[in-house]
Protein backbone atom coordinates (compact mmCIF):
# COMPACT_ATOMS: atom_id res chain seq x y z
CA MET A 1 -28.04 -4.20 17.72
CA ALA A 2 -28.40 -1.68 14.24
CA ARG A 3 -25.03 -1.67 12.49
CA THR A 4 -24.15 2.24 11.80
CA GLU A 5 -23.53 2.60 8.43
CA PRO A 6 -20.70 5.43 6.70
CA THR A 7 -22.63 8.93 6.13
CA SER A 8 -20.06 9.85 3.51
CA SER A 9 -21.70 10.30 -0.24
CA ASP A 10 -18.95 8.15 -1.45
CA HIS A 11 -19.86 4.76 -0.37
CA VAL A 12 -18.09 2.68 1.77
CA ARG A 13 -15.92 -0.64 2.33
CA PRO A 14 -12.25 -1.52 3.71
CA VAL A 15 -9.48 -4.37 5.23
CA PRO A 16 -7.87 -5.74 8.38
CA ASP A 17 -4.45 -6.73 10.12
CA VAL A 18 -2.71 -8.93 12.70
CA GLU A 19 0.70 -10.09 14.71
CA PRO A 20 3.67 -10.67 13.55
CA ARG A 21 2.83 -9.54 10.35
CA GLY A 22 1.16 -5.96 11.17
CA VAL A 23 0.61 -3.41 14.02
CA VAL A 24 -2.24 -3.84 15.97
CA PRO A 25 -3.47 -2.22 19.38
CA GLU A 26 -4.99 -3.55 22.67
CA ASP A 27 -7.61 -6.43 21.88
CA PRO A 28 -11.33 -4.50 21.66
CA ALA A 29 -13.92 -5.87 24.13
CA PRO A 30 -15.89 -8.98 22.83
CA GLY A 31 -18.70 -8.16 20.30
CA ASN A 32 -19.40 -7.84 16.51
CA VAL A 33 -16.84 -5.08 15.20
CA VAL A 34 -17.06 -3.68 11.81
CA ALA A 35 -13.88 -3.26 10.02
CA ALA A 36 -12.92 -1.39 6.84
CA PHE A 37 -9.72 -2.80 5.01
CA PHE A 38 -7.79 -0.46 2.50
CA ASP A 39 -4.95 -1.72 0.27
CA VAL A 40 -2.86 1.17 -0.16
CA ASP A 41 -0.64 1.43 -3.45
CA ASN A 42 -3.26 3.23 -5.89
CA THR A 43 -5.71 2.54 -3.63
CA ILE A 44 -4.94 5.48 -0.74
CA ILE A 45 -1.81 6.60 -2.48
CA ARG A 46 -1.14 7.45 -6.29
CA GLY A 47 1.57 4.84 -7.58
CA ALA A 48 3.54 2.66 -5.41
CA SER A 49 4.75 4.09 -1.76
CA SER A 50 7.44 1.46 -1.72
CA PHE A 51 9.08 3.59 -5.12
CA HIS A 52 9.16 6.54 -3.02
CA LEU A 53 11.02 4.54 0.12
CA ALA A 54 13.46 3.49 -2.68
CA ILE A 55 14.47 6.83 -3.52
CA GLY A 56 14.79 8.15 -0.19
CA LEU A 57 17.22 5.08 0.62
CA TYR A 58 18.73 5.90 -2.41
CA LYS A 59 19.49 9.16 -1.72
CA ARG A 60 21.28 8.16 2.16
CA GLU A 61 23.40 5.56 -0.50
CA PHE A 62 21.82 2.45 0.34
CA PHE A 63 22.08 1.03 -3.06
CA ARG A 64 23.47 1.85 -6.41
CA VAL A 65 22.33 3.84 -9.49
CA ARG A 66 21.32 0.24 -11.38
CA ASP A 67 19.06 -0.26 -8.42
CA LEU A 68 17.08 2.98 -8.73
CA LEU A 69 17.07 2.39 -12.39
CA PHE A 70 15.25 -1.17 -12.04
CA ALA A 71 12.99 0.65 -8.85
CA SER A 72 11.90 3.40 -11.81
CA VAL A 73 11.01 0.96 -14.10
CA GLN A 74 8.99 -1.10 -11.76
CA GLN A 75 7.30 2.15 -10.71
CA LEU A 76 6.35 2.71 -14.32
CA ARG A 77 5.26 -0.49 -14.89
CA TYR A 78 2.94 -0.28 -11.93
CA VAL A 79 1.04 2.91 -13.18
CA LEU A 80 0.46 1.95 -16.28
CA VAL A 81 -0.42 -1.55 -16.00
CA GLY A 82 -1.23 -2.24 -12.54
CA GLU A 83 0.31 -5.17 -10.39
CA ASP A 84 2.04 -8.24 -11.61
CA ASN A 85 3.52 -10.91 -9.56
CA ASP A 86 6.51 -12.15 -11.12
CA GLN A 87 7.24 -7.76 -10.70
CA ILE A 88 6.39 -7.91 -6.96
CA GLY A 89 8.75 -11.04 -6.28
CA SER A 90 11.31 -9.20 -8.12
CA VAL A 91 10.92 -6.16 -6.21
CA ARG A 92 10.23 -8.00 -2.62
CA ASP A 93 14.23 -9.79 -3.26
CA ARG A 94 15.70 -6.63 -4.31
CA ALA A 95 14.15 -4.62 -1.47
CA LEU A 96 15.47 -7.08 1.19
CA LEU A 97 18.88 -7.18 0.26
CA VAL A 98 18.61 -3.33 0.13
CA ILE A 99 17.86 -3.03 3.42
CA LYS A 100 20.03 -5.78 4.86
CA GLY A 101 22.37 -4.88 7.79
CA HIS A 102 20.62 -1.65 8.09
CA SER A 103 18.92 -0.77 11.92
CA VAL A 104 14.94 -0.84 11.89
CA ALA A 105 15.08 2.91 13.79
CA GLU A 106 17.21 4.04 10.52
CA VAL A 107 14.72 2.46 7.59
CA THR A 108 12.01 3.75 10.09
CA ALA A 109 13.23 7.49 10.22
CA ILE A 110 13.48 7.73 6.61
CA GLY A 111 10.22 6.40 5.99
CA GLU A 112 8.82 9.44 8.24
CA GLU A 113 10.77 11.27 5.87
CA VAL A 114 9.32 10.31 2.55
CA TYR A 115 5.84 10.44 3.94
CA GLU A 116 6.00 14.10 4.57
CA GLN A 117 7.97 14.73 1.07
CA ALA A 118 6.48 12.49 -1.04
CA LEU A 119 3.41 10.38 0.22
CA VAL A 120 1.27 12.84 2.00
CA SER A 121 0.73 14.80 -1.19
CA ARG A 122 -0.31 12.02 -3.65
CA ILE A 123 -3.38 10.68 -1.08
CA PHE A 124 -6.38 10.22 -3.17
CA PRO A 125 -8.78 12.96 -1.38
CA GLY A 126 -11.79 10.95 -2.40
CA THR A 127 -10.19 7.83 -0.79
CA ARG A 128 -9.47 9.42 2.33
CA LYS A 129 -13.23 10.76 2.60
CA ILE A 130 -14.09 7.18 2.72
CA LEU A 131 -11.57 6.30 5.17
CA ASP A 132 -12.45 9.40 7.40
CA ALA A 133 -16.67 8.20 6.99
CA HIS A 134 -15.50 4.91 8.61
CA LEU A 135 -13.68 6.53 11.32
CA ALA A 136 -16.64 8.46 12.06
CA ALA A 137 -19.00 5.59 12.15
CA GLY A 138 -17.18 3.95 14.71
CA HIS A 139 -15.69 1.48 12.38
CA GLU A 140 -12.19 -0.22 12.71
CA VAL A 141 -9.73 0.76 9.67
CA TRP A 142 -6.70 -1.30 8.74
CA LEU A 143 -4.47 -0.66 6.06
CA ILE A 144 -3.10 -4.38 4.45
CA THR A 145 -0.17 -3.80 1.83
CA ALA A 146 2.33 -5.88 0.23
CA ALA A 147 5.00 -3.10 1.22
CA PRO A 148 6.68 -3.06 4.33
CA VAL A 149 4.65 -2.84 7.51
CA GLU A 150 6.95 -0.12 8.76
CA ILE A 151 5.47 2.05 5.72
CA GLY A 152 1.70 0.40 6.11
CA ALA A 153 1.85 1.58 10.03
CA LEU A 154 3.44 4.74 9.25
CA ILE A 155 0.48 5.39 6.87
CA ALA A 156 -2.17 4.43 8.92
CA GLN A 157 -0.70 6.14 12.06
CA ARG A 158 -0.89 9.57 10.03
CA LEU A 159 -4.25 8.94 8.96
CA GLY A 160 -5.56 7.90 12.39
CA ALA A 161 -6.51 4.54 11.30
CA THR A 162 -6.74 1.51 13.85
CA GLY A 163 -3.79 -0.38 12.25
CA ALA A 164 -1.97 -1.84 9.40
CA LEU A 165 -0.83 -5.45 8.15
CA GLY A 166 2.18 -5.25 5.64
CA SER A 167 4.92 -7.56 4.63
CA VAL A 168 7.76 -8.32 7.20
CA ALA A 169 11.26 -8.19 6.73
CA GLU A 170 13.19 -10.25 9.64
CA HIS A 171 15.32 -8.21 11.71
CA VAL A 172 17.54 -9.46 15.01
CA ASP A 173 18.62 -7.06 17.64
CA GLY A 174 17.37 -4.02 15.44
CA ILE A 175 19.36 -5.02 12.36
CA TYR A 176 17.78 -6.08 8.97
CA THR A 177 18.52 -10.07 7.86
CA GLY A 178 17.56 -9.81 4.44
CA ARG A 179 15.02 -12.18 4.96
CA LEU A 180 10.91 -12.64 4.70
CA VAL A 181 9.04 -13.31 7.76
CA GLY A 182 6.44 -15.42 6.06
CA GLU A 183 4.72 -14.51 2.94
CA LEU A 184 4.38 -11.22 1.15
CA MET A 185 1.38 -9.65 2.26
CA HIS A 186 -0.20 -10.21 -1.09
CA ARG A 187 -3.25 -12.03 -2.76
CA GLU A 188 -4.38 -15.09 -0.24
CA SER A 189 -1.84 -13.68 2.25
CA LYS A 190 -4.18 -10.52 2.73
CA VAL A 191 -7.68 -12.96 3.35
CA ASP A 192 -5.26 -15.10 5.98
CA GLY A 193 -4.09 -11.69 7.43
CA ALA A 194 -7.86 -10.10 7.53
CA ARG A 195 -9.42 -13.97 8.92
CA GLU A 196 -6.85 -14.17 11.70
CA LEU A 197 -7.08 -10.49 12.67
CA ALA A 198 -11.21 -11.10 12.54
CA GLN A 199 -10.79 -14.16 14.76
CA ARG A 200 -8.72 -11.97 17.12
CA ARG A 201 -10.58 -8.93 17.05
CA GLY A 202 -14.05 -10.37 17.09
CA ILE A 203 -14.34 -8.97 13.63
CA ASP A 204 -17.35 -9.58 11.47
CA LEU A 205 -16.37 -10.20 8.22
CA ALA A 206 -19.55 -10.43 6.23
CA ALA A 207 -20.44 -6.47 7.80
CA SER A 208 -17.31 -5.50 6.63
CA TYR A 209 -15.93 -3.70 4.12
CA ALA A 210 -12.79 -3.67 1.57
CA TYR A 211 -11.41 -1.61 -0.86
CA GLY A 212 -8.64 -2.47 -3.63
CA ASP A 213 -7.27 -1.40 -7.05
CA SER A 214 -6.15 -4.62 -8.41
CA ALA A 215 -7.21 -8.02 -9.52
CA ASN A 216 -4.81 -9.36 -6.63
CA ASP A 217 -6.92 -7.77 -4.38
CA ILE A 218 -9.99 -9.78 -5.52
CA PRO A 219 -9.60 -12.66 -2.93
CA LEU A 220 -9.80 -9.89 -0.10
CA LEU A 221 -12.35 -8.08 -1.40
CA SER A 222 -14.12 -11.45 -2.11
CA THR A 223 -14.23 -12.08 1.66
CA VAL A 224 -16.05 -9.10 3.22
CA GLY A 225 -19.91 -8.44 2.82
CA PHE A 226 -19.50 -4.89 0.97
CA PRO A 227 -16.46 -4.84 -1.47
CA CYS A 228 -15.50 -1.80 -3.49
CA ALA A 229 -13.19 -0.90 -6.27
CA ILE A 230 -11.06 1.96 -6.07
CA ASN A 231 -9.13 3.29 -8.96
CA PRO A 232 -9.23 -0.23 -10.65
CA GLU A 233 -7.31 -1.57 -13.01
CA PRO A 234 -8.83 -3.23 -15.91
CA ARG A 235 -9.36 -6.86 -14.59
CA LEU A 236 -10.82 -5.42 -11.34
CA ARG A 237 -12.95 -3.18 -13.19
CA ARG A 238 -14.15 -6.53 -15.13
CA HIS A 239 -14.31 -8.37 -12.21
CA ALA A 240 -16.49 -5.74 -10.31
CA SER A 241 -18.58 -5.21 -13.04
CA GLU A 242 -19.54 -8.68 -13.72
CA HIS A 243 -20.22 -9.18 -9.79
CA GLY A 244 -22.21 -5.79 -9.26
CA TRP A 245 -19.25 -4.41 -7.12
CA PRO A 246 -19.35 -0.32 -6.67
CA MET A 247 -16.37 1.15 -8.15
CA ARG A 248 -15.07 4.71 -7.48
CA GLU A 249 -12.49 6.66 -9.58
CA PHE A 250 -10.63 9.31 -8.01
CA ARG A 251 -8.10 9.99 -10.57
CA GLY A 252 -10.03 12.39 -12.45
CA LYS A 253 -11.69 12.26 -15.90
CA ARG A 254 -10.40 9.25 -18.14
CA ARG A 255 -9.13 11.55 -21.12
CA ILE A 256 -7.39 13.85 -18.54
CA ALA A 257 -6.50 10.93 -16.03
CA LYS A 258 -4.65 9.05 -19.49
CA ARG A 259 -2.97 12.65 -20.73
CA SER A 260 -1.65 13.44 -17.21
CA LEU A 261 -0.61 9.86 -16.92
CA LYS A 262 1.47 9.84 -20.22
CA THR A 263 3.00 13.35 -18.89
CA ALA A 264 3.61 11.88 -15.62
CA SER A 265 5.32 8.95 -17.07
CA TRP A 266 7.69 10.64 -19.46
CA ALA A 267 8.37 13.35 -16.69
CA GLY A 268 9.37 10.58 -14.35
CA ALA A 269 11.45 9.26 -16.81
CA ALA A 270 13.41 11.98 -17.95
CA TRP A 271 13.85 12.74 -14.11
CA MET A 272 15.09 9.36 -13.54
CA LEU A 273 17.61 9.63 -16.47
CA GLY A 274 18.95 12.74 -15.47
CA LEU A 275 19.67 11.36 -11.89
CA VAL A 276 21.49 8.20 -13.51
CA ALA A 277 23.37 10.85 -15.74
CA ARG A 278 24.43 13.07 -12.56
CA SER A 279 25.60 9.51 -10.78
CA LEU A 280 27.24 8.50 -13.36
CA SER A 281 29.21 11.83 -13.74
CA ARG A 282 30.25 12.19 -10.27
CA ALA A 283 31.40 8.61 -10.37
CA ILE A 284 33.44 9.75 -12.98
CA ARG A 285 34.85 12.51 -12.01
CA GLY A 286 35.81 10.50 -8.39
CA ARG A 287 37.96 8.10 -10.54
């Protein structure tokens, strides 16, 4: 049977999900399923989704000023130079400690607010168009991200995607323990998740699509028949060029993007310093 291609003028390519690493619906009927796998940060959403969740948690006094400062610095690094393995590990460890002792329901509710207040306005229209084209073509669409699975699942639900794979924080009786279940959903773990999902749901990876922005997404992109780099950082751009992978840039003209990036970076730094100053002022007055 012929495979239906997406009809968007922006060529298409996405990525999958599997228990207990993600949120999955009931298994489809056996057959050759085409899927589209999407990374989230800087692919669907500008910047790091976990940073905006951190801001929401800070406003609710989950952690201290120095933790917010750390999150702000990591966001700035991420926007300027892309992902870094040491950075991701450090962010992971701090994030697990931040939510330790809090309930899943509480963090999920905060995630809902963060999506409405910050994330929805940062979705790249170009990526959304590709995602919608996959859905219109009858493909399964899976988000796959190193961010908490609660965030991935929320974004997937709001975008009408099939499901999401993400990093899973352990919880007992609905309370986070501060430990991770399995590995961070990153690099080869994304490949493992995609393959596991493909086996369960009858997905034909050779006929499927994957989208990502970072060199850390290369293993996943290499696993499917139709990889595509979206808003690629330099290392992925070089790899995609060498292997003839299509690339899509949704951050605007490069000169404008670079100027906007500097403006956003300085504005973000100023905002963060102002927030820190106000917090310190309140702390001093409270003594």
